Amino acid sequence: MKCDFCGGNTRAKKVKRQHWLKKQLYIVENVSAEVCMECGERYFHAQTLDAVDRFLSEEHEIKAHLNVELVQFASAAA
Protein backbone atom coordinates (compact mmCIF):
# COMPACT_ATOMS: atom_id res chain seq x y z
CA MET A 1 0.00 0.00 0.00
CA LYS A 2 1.08 3.62 -0.44
CA CYS A 3 1.49 6.03 2.48
CA ASP A 4 -1.15 8.78 2.55
CA PHE A 5 1.39 11.27 3.89
CA CYS A 6 4.54 10.83 1.79
CA GLY A 7 3.58 8.36 -0.93
CA GLY A 8 6.17 5.83 0.23
CA ASN A 9 5.62 2.08 0.21
CA THR A 10 4.46 0.29 3.35
CA ARG A 11 5.47 -3.10 4.66
CA ALA A 12 3.75 -5.42 7.12
CA LYS A 13 5.47 -5.34 10.51
CA LYS A 14 4.79 -6.13 14.16
CA VAL A 15 4.90 -2.97 16.30
CA LYS A 16 4.17 -1.61 19.76
CA ARG A 17 0.95 0.39 19.94
CA GLN A 18 -0.28 2.83 22.55
CA HIS A 19 -3.95 1.93 22.90
CA TRP A 20 -6.67 3.61 24.96
CA LEU A 21 -9.63 1.54 26.16
CA LYS A 22 -12.18 2.69 28.75
CA LYS A 23 -10.01 5.64 29.85
CA GLN A 24 -7.01 3.39 30.45
CA LEU A 25 -3.76 3.47 28.47
CA TYR A 26 -2.12 0.23 27.40
CA ILE A 27 1.08 -0.43 25.48
CA VAL A 28 0.48 -3.52 23.39
CA GLU A 29 3.38 -5.34 21.77
CA ASN A 30 3.36 -7.49 18.64
CA VAL A 31 0.49 -5.70 16.85
CA SER A 32 0.25 -6.10 13.07
CA ALA A 33 0.55 -2.86 11.11
CA GLU A 34 1.49 -1.51 7.70
CA VAL A 35 4.50 0.78 8.25
CA CYS A 36 5.76 3.32 5.72
CA MET A 37 9.37 2.63 4.85
CA GLU A 38 9.96 6.35 4.13
CA CYS A 39 8.34 8.32 6.98
CA GLY A 40 7.39 5.61 9.51
CA GLU A 41 3.63 6.32 9.49
CA ARG A 42 1.72 3.29 10.78
CA TYR A 43 -1.62 1.98 9.54
CA PHE A 44 -3.77 -0.49 11.47
CA HIS A 45 -6.63 -2.49 9.98
CA ALA A 46 -9.95 -2.07 11.81
CA GLN A 47 -10.06 -5.84 12.44
CA THR A 48 -6.69 -5.62 14.20
CA LEU A 49 -7.85 -2.77 16.46
CA ASP A 50 -11.07 -4.66 17.26
CA ALA A 51 -8.97 -7.72 18.18
CA VAL A 52 -6.81 -5.57 20.50
CA ASP A 53 -9.97 -4.23 22.19
CA ARG A 54 -11.28 -7.78 22.70
CA PHE A 55 -7.92 -8.97 24.03
CA LEU A 56 -7.70 -6.13 26.57
CA SER A 57 -11.34 -6.58 27.64
CA GLU A 58 -10.67 -10.17 28.70
CA GLU A 59 -8.27 -11.59 31.28
CA HIS A 60 -4.76 -11.20 29.93
CA GLU A 61 -1.22 -11.55 31.17
CA ILE A 62 0.42 -8.28 32.21
CA LYS A 63 4.08 -8.08 31.22
CA ALA A 64 4.87 -4.99 33.31
CA HIS A 65 3.37 -1.94 35.01
CA LEU A 66 4.87 1.40 33.99
CA ASN A 67 4.71 4.82 35.62
CA VAL A 68 3.77 7.52 33.12
CA GLU A 69 3.57 11.28 33.62
CA LEU A 70 0.71 13.25 32.10
CA VAL A 71 1.72 16.85 31.44
CA GLN A 72 0.18 19.76 29.57
CA PHE A 73 2.56 21.55 27.23
CA ALA A 74 2.54 25.32 27.51
CA SER A 75 4.61 26.97 24.81
CA ALA A 76 6.48 30.21 25.54
CA ALA A 77 4.52 31.95 22.75
CA ALA A 78 1.15 31.33 24.41
PDB file of N, CA and C in Angstrom:
ATOM      1  N   MET A   1       0.847  -1.169   0.000  1.00  0.00           N
ATOM      2  CA  MET A   1       0.000   0.000   0.000  1.00  0.00           C
ATOM      3  C   MET A   1       0.891   1.230   0.000  1.00  0.00           C
ATOM      4  N   LYS A   2       0.344   2.353  -0.391  1.00  0.00           N
ATOM      5  CA  LYS A   2       1.083   3.618  -0.435  1.00  0.00           C
ATOM      6  C   LYS A   2       0.707   4.466   0.785  1.00  0.00           C
ATOM      7  N   CYS A   3       1.692   5.147   1.330  1.00  0.00           N
ATOM      8  CA  CYS A   3       1.486   6.027   2.478  1.00  0.00           C
ATOM      9  C   CYS A   3       0.684   7.255   2.050  1.00  0.00           C
ATOM     10  N   ASP A   4      -0.328   7.597   2.830  1.00  0.00           N
ATOM     11  CA  ASP A   4      -1.155   8.778   2.554  1.00  0.00           C
ATOM     12  C   ASP A   4      -0.383  10.077   2.753  1.00  0.00           C
ATOM     13  N   PHE A   5       0.665  10.046   3.557  1.00  0.00           N
ATOM     14  CA  PHE A   5       1.389  11.275   3.890  1.00  0.00           C
ATOM     15  C   PHE A   5       2.532  11.577   2.922  1.00  0.00           C
ATOM     16  N   CYS A   6       3.356  10.566   2.616  1.00  0.00           N
ATOM     17  CA  CYS A   6       4.540  10.834   1.790  1.00  0.00           C
ATOM     18  C   CYS A   6       4.552  10.075   0.471  1.00  0.00           C
ATOM     19  N   GLY A   7       3.622   9.138   0.297  1.00  0.00           N
ATOM     20  CA  GLY A   7       3.578   8.361  -0.931  1.00  0.00           C
ATOM     21  C   GLY A   7       4.528   7.179  -0.943  1.00  0.00           C
ATOM     22  N   GLY A   8       5.253   6.955   0.147  1.00  0.00           N
ATOM     23  CA  GLY A   8       6.175   5.826   0.228  1.00  0.00           C
ATOM     24  C   GLY A   8       5.446   4.495   0.304  1.00  0.00           C
ATOM     25  N   ASN A   9       6.184   3.424   0.114  1.00  0.00           N
ATOM     26  CA  ASN A   9       5.620   2.080   0.210  1.00  0.00           C
ATOM     27  C   ASN A   9       5.586   1.630   1.663  1.00  0.00           C
ATOM     28  N   THR A  10       4.561   0.846   2.001  1.00  0.00           N
ATOM     29  CA  THR A  10       4.462   0.295   3.348  1.00  0.00           C
ATOM     30  C   THR A  10       4.819  -1.182   3.312  1.00  0.00           C
ATOM     31  N   ARG A  11       5.138  -1.684   4.508  1.00  0.00           N
ATOM     32  CA  ARG A  11       5.473  -3.097   4.659  1.00  0.00           C
ATOM     33  C   ARG A  11       4.821  -3.595   5.944  1.00  0.00           C
ATOM     34  N   ALA A  12       4.353  -4.816   5.929  1.00  0.00           N
ATOM     35  CA  ALA A  12       3.750  -5.421   7.118  1.00  0.00           C
ATOM     36  C   ALA A  12       4.826  -5.639   8.171  1.00  0.00           C
ATOM     37  N   LYS A  13       4.541  -5.180   9.394  1.00  0.00           N
ATOM     38  CA  LYS A  13       5.473  -5.341  10.510  1.00  0.00           C
ATOM     39  C   LYS A  13       4.675  -5.561  11.787  1.00  0.00           C
ATOM     40  N   LYS A  14       5.354  -6.040  12.810  1.00  0.00           N
ATOM     41  CA  LYS A  14       4.793  -6.126  14.162  1.00  0.00           C
ATOM     42  C   LYS A  14       5.357  -4.951  14.952  1.00  0.00           C
ATOM     43  N   VAL A  15       4.485  -4.188  15.612  1.00  0.00           N
ATOM     44  CA  VAL A  15       4.904  -2.971  16.303  1.00  0.00           C
ATOM     45  C   VAL A  15       4.295  -2.904  17.699  1.00  0.00           C
ATOM     46  N   LYS A  16       4.803  -1.965  18.498  1.00  0.00           N
ATOM     47  CA  LYS A  16       4.168  -1.606  19.765  1.00  0.00           C
ATOM     48  C   LYS A  16       3.136  -0.539  19.468  1.00  0.00           C
ATOM     49  N   ARG A  17       2.002  -0.600  20.141  1.00  0.00           N
ATOM     50  CA  ARG A  17       0.950   0.388  19.941  1.00  0.00           C
ATOM     51  C   ARG A  17       0.470   0.903  21.285  1.00  0.00           C
ATOM     52  N   GLN A  18       0.355   2.230  21.394  1.00  0.00           N
ATOM     53  CA  GLN A  18      -0.282   2.835  22.553  1.00  0.00           C
ATOM     54  C   GLN A  18      -1.784   2.782  22.266  1.00  0.00           C
ATOM     55  N   HIS A  19      -2.542   2.207  23.171  1.00  0.00           N
ATOM     56  CA  HIS A  19      -3.952   1.933  22.900  1.00  0.00           C
ATOM     57  C   HIS A  19      -4.788   2.335  24.113  1.00  0.00           C
ATOM     58  N   TRP A  20      -5.751   3.206  23.895  1.00  0.00           N
ATOM     59  CA  TRP A  20      -6.674   3.612  24.958  1.00  0.00           C
ATOM     60  C   TRP A  20      -7.929   2.758  24.899  1.00  0.00           C
ATOM     61  N   LEU A  21      -8.377   2.283  26.055  1.00  0.00           N
ATOM     62  CA  LEU A  21      -9.630   1.543  26.156  1.00  0.00           C
ATOM     63  C   LEU A  21     -10.235   1.850  27.520  1.00  0.00           C
ATOM     64  N   LYS A  22     -11.454   2.356  27.517  1.00  0.00           N
ATOM     65  CA  LYS A  22     -12.181   2.690  28.745  1.00  0.00           C
ATOM     66  C   LYS A  22     -11.339   3.571  29.669  1.00  0.00           C
ATOM     67  N   LYS A  23     -10.781   4.640  29.110  1.00  0.00           N
ATOM     68  CA  LYS A  23     -10.006   5.643  29.845  1.00  0.00           C
ATOM     69  C   LYS A  23      -8.725   5.086  30.469  1.00  0.00           C
ATOM     70  N   GLN A  24      -8.247   3.969  29.956  1.00  0.00           N
ATOM     71  CA  GLN A  24      -7.006   3.394  30.446  1.00  0.00           C
ATOM     72  C   GLN A  24      -6.053   3.218  29.274  1.00  0.00           C
ATOM     73  N   LEU A  25      -4.781   3.572  29.491  1.00  0.00           N
ATOM     74  CA  LEU A  25      -3.762   3.465  28.465  1.00  0.00           C
ATOM     75  C   LEU A  25      -3.017   2.149  28.594  1.00  0.00           C
ATOM     76  N   TYR A  26      -2.876   1.469  27.472  1.00  0.00           N
ATOM     77  CA  TYR A  26      -2.123   0.228  27.400  1.00  0.00           C
ATOM     78  C   TYR A  26      -1.022   0.399  26.357  1.00  0.00           C
ATOM     79  N   ILE A  27       0.080  -0.280  26.530  1.00  0.00           N
ATOM     80  CA  ILE A  27       1.078  -0.426  25.483  1.00  0.00           C
ATOM     81  C   ILE A  27       1.051  -1.900  25.105  1.00  0.00           C
ATOM     82  N   VAL A  28       0.682  -2.155  23.865  1.00  0.00           N
ATOM     83  CA  VAL A  28       0.483  -3.523  23.389  1.00  0.00           C
ATOM     84  C   VAL A  28       1.594  -3.851  22.392  1.00  0.00           C
ATOM     85  N   GLU A  29       2.303  -4.921  22.655  1.00  0.00           N
ATOM     86  CA  GLU A  29       3.380  -5.342  21.767  1.00  0.00           C
ATOM     87  C   GLU A  29       2.864  -6.339  20.736  1.00  0.00           C
ATOM     88  N   ASN A  30       3.607  -6.460  19.641  1.00  0.00           N
ATOM     89  CA  ASN A  30       3.356  -7.492  18.639  1.00  0.00           C
ATOM     90  C   ASN A  30       2.047  -7.284  17.873  1.00  0.00           C
ATOM     91  N   VAL A  31       1.718  -6.028  17.576  1.00  0.00           N
ATOM     92  CA  VAL A  31       0.494  -5.698  16.847  1.00  0.00           C
ATOM     93  C   VAL A  31       0.830  -5.557  15.363  1.00  0.00           C
ATOM     94  N   SER A  32       0.038  -6.179  14.516  1.00  0.00           N
ATOM     95  CA  SER A  32       0.248  -6.101  13.072  1.00  0.00           C
ATOM     96  C   SER A  32      -0.102  -4.717  12.552  1.00  0.00           C
ATOM     97  N   ALA A  33       0.776  -4.176  11.701  1.00  0.00           N
ATOM     98  CA  ALA A  33       0.549  -2.863  11.106  1.00  0.00           C
ATOM     99  C   ALA A  33       1.222  -2.815   9.746  1.00  0.00           C
ATOM    100  N   GLU A  34       0.788  -1.872   8.931  1.00  0.00           N
ATOM    101  CA  GLU A  34       1.493  -1.515   7.703  1.00  0.00           C
ATOM    102  C   GLU A  34       2.307  -0.270   8.053  1.00  0.00           C
ATOM    103  N   VAL A  35       3.614  -0.311   7.859  1.00  0.00           N
ATOM    104  CA  VAL A  35       4.505   0.776   8.253  1.00  0.00           C
ATOM    105  C   VAL A  35       5.178   1.336   7.005  1.00  0.00           C
ATOM    106  N   CYS A  36       5.123   2.668   6.851  1.00  0.00           N
ATOM    107  CA  CYS A  36       5.758   3.319   5.715  1.00  0.00           C
ATOM    108  C   CYS A  36       7.267   3.230   5.866  1.00  0.00           C
ATOM    109  N   MET A  37       7.926   2.780   4.830  1.00  0.00           N
ATOM    110  CA  MET A  37       9.373   2.635   4.849  1.00  0.00           C
ATOM    111  C   MET A  37      10.088   3.983   4.694  1.00  0.00           C
ATOM    112  N   GLU A  38       9.368   5.024   4.305  1.00  0.00           N
ATOM    113  CA  GLU A  38       9.956   6.355   4.132  1.00  0.00           C
ATOM    114  C   GLU A  38       9.816   7.210   5.393  1.00  0.00           C
ATOM    115  N   CYS A  39       8.582   7.381   5.878  1.00  0.00           N
ATOM    116  CA  CYS A  39       8.338   8.318   6.984  1.00  0.00           C
ATOM    117  C   CYS A  39       7.975   7.640   8.302  1.00  0.00           C
ATOM    118  N   GLY A  40       7.694   6.334   8.283  1.00  0.00           N
ATOM    119  CA  GLY A  40       7.391   5.614   9.514  1.00  0.00           C
ATOM    120  C   GLY A  40       5.934   5.643   9.929  1.00  0.00           C
ATOM    121  N   GLU A  41       5.065   6.295   9.157  1.00  0.00           N
ATOM    122  CA  GLU A  41       3.629   6.320   9.486  1.00  0.00           C
ATOM    123  C   GLU A  41       3.112   4.889   9.572  1.00  0.00           C
ATOM    124  N   ARG A  42       2.235   4.646  10.554  1.00  0.00           N
ATOM    125  CA  ARG A  42       1.719   3.295  10.775  1.00  0.00           C
ATOM    126  C   ARG A  42       0.222   3.255  10.494  1.00  0.00           C
ATOM    127  N   TYR A  43      -0.213   2.187   9.866  1.00  0.00           N
ATOM    128  CA  TYR A  43      -1.621   1.979   9.538  1.00  0.00           C
ATOM    129  C   TYR A  43      -2.068   0.662  10.151  1.00  0.00           C
ATOM    130  N   PHE A  44      -3.222   0.700  10.819  1.00  0.00           N
ATOM    131  CA  PHE A  44      -3.770  -0.487  11.469  1.00  0.00           C
ATOM    132  C   PHE A  44      -5.123  -0.813  10.840  1.00  0.00           C
ATOM    133  N   HIS A  45      -5.328  -2.069  10.503  1.00  0.00           N
ATOM    134  CA  HIS A  45      -6.627  -2.494   9.984  1.00  0.00           C
ATOM    135  C   HIS A  45      -7.651  -2.471  11.124  1.00  0.00           C
ATOM    136  N   ALA A  46      -8.886  -2.137  10.805  1.00  0.00           N
ATOM    137  CA  ALA A  46      -9.951  -2.072  11.810  1.00  0.00           C
ATOM    138  C   ALA A  46     -10.097  -3.408  12.539  1.00  0.00           C
ATOM    139  N   GLN A  47      -9.940  -4.511  11.819  1.00  0.00           N
ATOM    140  CA  GLN A  47     -10.056  -5.836  12.444  1.00  0.00           C
ATOM    141  C   GLN A  47      -8.964  -6.038  13.503  1.00  0.00           C
ATOM    142  N   THR A  48      -7.782  -5.511  13.237  1.00  0.00           N
ATOM    143  CA  THR A  48      -6.688  -5.618  14.200  1.00  0.00           C
ATOM    144  C   THR A  48      -7.010  -4.828  15.457  1.00  0.00           C
ATOM    145  N   LEU A  49      -7.515  -3.600  15.296  1.00  0.00           N
ATOM    146  CA  LEU A  49      -7.847  -2.775  16.463  1.00  0.00           C
ATOM    147  C   LEU A  49      -9.001  -3.372  17.255  1.00  0.00           C
ATOM    148  N   ASP A  50      -9.975  -3.961  16.566  1.00  0.00           N
ATOM    149  CA  ASP A  50     -11.069  -4.655  17.263  1.00  0.00           C
ATOM    150  C   ASP A  50     -10.533  -5.835  18.057  1.00  0.00           C
ATOM    151  N   ALA A  51      -9.576  -6.569  17.484  1.00  0.00           N
ATOM    152  CA  ALA A  51      -8.974  -7.715  18.180  1.00  0.00           C
ATOM    153  C   ALA A  51      -8.205  -7.258  19.418  1.00  0.00           C
ATOM    154  N   VAL A  52      -7.522  -6.116  19.338  1.00  0.00           N
ATOM    155  CA  VAL A  52      -6.810  -5.571  20.501  1.00  0.00           C
ATOM    156  C   VAL A  52      -7.823  -5.206  21.588  1.00  0.00           C
ATOM    157  N   ASP A  53      -8.920  -4.563  21.213  1.00  0.00           N
ATOM    158  CA  ASP A  53      -9.974  -4.231  22.193  1.00  0.00           C
ATOM    159  C   ASP A  53     -10.494  -5.489  22.885  1.00  0.00           C
ATOM    160  N   ARG A  54     -10.779  -6.530  22.118  1.00  0.00           N
ATOM    161  CA  ARG A  54     -11.284  -7.783  22.702  1.00  0.00           C
ATOM    162  C   ARG A  54     -10.238  -8.384  23.645  1.00  0.00           C
ATOM    163  N   PHE A  55      -8.993  -8.404  23.219  1.00  0.00           N
ATOM    164  CA  PHE A  55      -7.915  -8.966  24.028  1.00  0.00           C
ATOM    165  C   PHE A  55      -7.819  -8.240  25.369  1.00  0.00           C
ATOM    166  N   LEU A  56      -7.849  -6.909  25.340  1.00  0.00           N
ATOM    167  CA  LEU A  56      -7.701  -6.127  26.566  1.00  0.00           C
ATOM    168  C   LEU A  56      -8.937  -6.201  27.453  1.00  0.00           C
ATOM    169  N   SER A  57     -10.095  -6.497  26.875  1.00  0.00           N
ATOM    170  CA  SER A  57     -11.341  -6.583  27.638  1.00  0.00           C
ATOM    171  C   SER A  57     -11.456  -7.889  28.409  1.00  0.00           C
ATOM    172  N   GLU A  58     -10.647  -8.861  28.038  1.00  0.00           N
ATOM    173  CA  GLU A  58     -10.666 -10.166  28.701  1.00  0.00           C
ATOM    174  C   GLU A  58      -9.472 -10.271  29.651  1.00  0.00           C
ATOM    175  N   GLU A  59      -9.439 -11.329  30.432  1.00  0.00           N
ATOM    176  CA  GLU A  59      -8.273 -11.591  31.280  1.00  0.00           C
ATOM    177  C   GLU A  59      -7.056 -11.762  30.378  1.00  0.00           C
ATOM    178  N   HIS A  60      -5.973 -11.089  30.729  1.00  0.00           N
ATOM    179  CA  HIS A  60      -4.756 -11.196  29.928  1.00  0.00           C
ATOM    180  C   HIS A  60      -3.546 -11.049  30.843  1.00  0.00           C
ATOM    181  N   GLU A  61      -2.455 -11.639  30.412  1.00  0.00           N
ATOM    182  CA  GLU A  61      -1.216 -11.552  31.166  1.00  0.00           C
ATOM    183  C   GLU A  61      -0.662 -10.135  31.064  1.00  0.00           C
ATOM    184  N   ILE A  62      -0.184  -9.613  32.176  1.00  0.00           N
ATOM    185  CA  ILE A  62       0.424  -8.282  32.214  1.00  0.00           C
ATOM    186  C   ILE A  62       1.930  -8.464  32.287  1.00  0.00           C
ATOM    187  N   LYS A  63       2.625  -7.946  31.294  1.00  0.00           N
ATOM    188  CA  LYS A  63       4.082  -8.084  31.219  1.00  0.00           C
ATOM    189  C   LYS A  63       4.775  -7.178  32.227  1.00  0.00           C
ATOM    190  N   ALA A  64       4.266  -5.939  32.385  1.00  0.00           N
ATOM    191  CA  ALA A  64       4.871  -4.986  33.312  1.00  0.00           C
ATOM    192  C   ALA A  64       3.903  -3.847  33.573  1.00  0.00           C
ATOM    193  N   HIS A  65       4.082  -3.178  34.702  1.00  0.00           N
ATOM    194  CA  HIS A  65       3.370  -1.937  35.007  1.00  0.00           C
ATOM    195  C   HIS A  65       4.375  -0.802  34.868  1.00  0.00           C
ATOM    196  N   LEU A  66       3.980   0.276  34.208  1.00  0.00           N
ATOM    197  CA  LEU A  66       4.869   1.404  33.985  1.00  0.00           C
ATOM    198  C   LEU A  66       4.281   2.652  34.626  1.00  0.00           C
ATOM    199  N   ASN A  67       5.140   3.512  35.138  1.00  0.00           N
ATOM    200  CA  ASN A  67       4.710   4.819  35.624  1.00  0.00           C
ATOM    201  C   ASN A  67       4.833   5.808  34.478  1.00  0.00           C
ATOM    202  N   VAL A  68       3.779   6.567  34.227  1.00  0.00           N
ATOM    203  CA  VAL A  68       3.768   7.522  33.118  1.00  0.00           C
ATOM    204  C   VAL A  68       3.306   8.866  33.651  1.00  0.00           C
ATOM    205  N   GLU A  69       3.993   9.928  33.243  1.00  0.00           N
ATOM    206  CA  GLU A  69       3.574  11.276  33.617  1.00  0.00           C
ATOM    207  C   GLU A  69       2.643  11.838  32.558  1.00  0.00           C
ATOM    208  N   LEU A  70       1.604  12.520  32.999  1.00  0.00           N
ATOM    209  CA  LEU A  70       0.709  13.246  32.101  1.00  0.00           C
ATOM    210  C   LEU A  70       0.957  14.727  32.340  1.00  0.00           C
ATOM    211  N   VAL A  71       1.404  15.432  31.313  1.00  0.00           N
ATOM    212  CA  VAL A  71       1.717  16.851  31.437  1.00  0.00           C
ATOM    213  C   VAL A  71       0.995  17.615  30.346  1.00  0.00           C
ATOM    214  N   GLN A  72       0.779  18.894  30.577  1.00  0.00           N
ATOM    215  CA  GLN A  72       0.184  19.761  29.567  1.00  0.00           C
ATOM    216  C   GLN A  72       1.250  20.720  29.100  1.00  0.00           C
ATOM    217  N   PHE A  73       1.519  20.719  27.809  1.00  0.00           N
ATOM    218  CA  PHE A  73       2.557  21.550  27.225  1.00  0.00           C
ATOM    219  C   PHE A  73       2.044  22.986  27.132  1.00  0.00           C
ATOM    220  N   ALA A  74       2.841  23.897  27.613  1.00  0.00           N
ATOM    221  CA  ALA A  74       2.535  25.324  27.510  1.00  0.00           C
ATOM    222  C   ALA A  74       3.711  25.987  26.809  1.00  0.00           C
ATOM    223  N   SER A  75       3.502  26.366  25.567  1.00  0.00           N
ATOM    224  CA  SER A  75       4.611  26.967  24.814  1.00  0.00           C
ATOM    225  C   SER A  75       4.869  28.388  25.311  1.00  0.00           C
ATOM    226  N   ALA A  76       6.087  28.870  25.118  1.00  0.00           N
ATOM    227  CA  ALA A  76       6.482  30.208  25.537  1.00  0.00           C
ATOM    228  C   ALA A  76       5.717  31.285  24.782  1.00  0.00           C
ATOM    229  N   ALA A  77       5.238  30.962  23.581  1.00  0.00           N
ATOM    230  CA  ALA A  77       4.524  31.954  22.754  1.00  0.00           C
ATOM    231  C   ALA A  77       3.089  32.149  23.210  1.00  0.00           C
ATOM    232  N   ALA A  78       2.572  31.252  24.019  1.00  0.00           N
ATOM    233  CA  ALA A  78       1.155  31.328  24.414  1.00  0.00           C
ATOM    234  C   ALA A  78       0.900  32.313  25.524  1.00  0.00           C
TER     235      ALA A  78
END
